[in-house]
Amino acid sequence: MGLALVKATGTEALAQGTHQIRVEFAYDGDGLAKGGDTVLFVDGHQVGSARQEASIPMLFSGDETLDIGGDHATSVSDDYTPETGRFTGAVHWVQLDQGLDDQSHLITPEDRMKVAMVRQ
């Protein structure tokens, strides 16, 4: 909501090529708007973390967006603007999970595509 920004960043630039980027948020639980720990992974290795003391208690506004590769509403970071922060690479797979970790992040994008095609 723009009141407090928390950043989990790595210390090195991401090398060219295909990578798996994963973010895990461990909610403190037991009620609304509690904090939690955010951990950033690149190719299965932890590269950064951050502590968030509070979270949003309910919902964002109805016009907020979930964007991949660019922001079309509220910027995810004050490091860039919607005009200057567009991702120019290729995103091959996006997965949002809620709840317990089922280790599905260990499955490659290629294997995910094979499973999806078998279900067609």
Foldseek 3Di string as FASTA:
>chain_A
DPPDAKDWDFPDDDDDDDKDKDKDWDFPDDAFFAWTKIFIDIRRHTGTITTGGTDDGDDDDPPADDDDQAGPPDDNDPVDDRVPRGHDDDDLDDDDDDDDDPVPSVDDSVVVVVVVVVVD
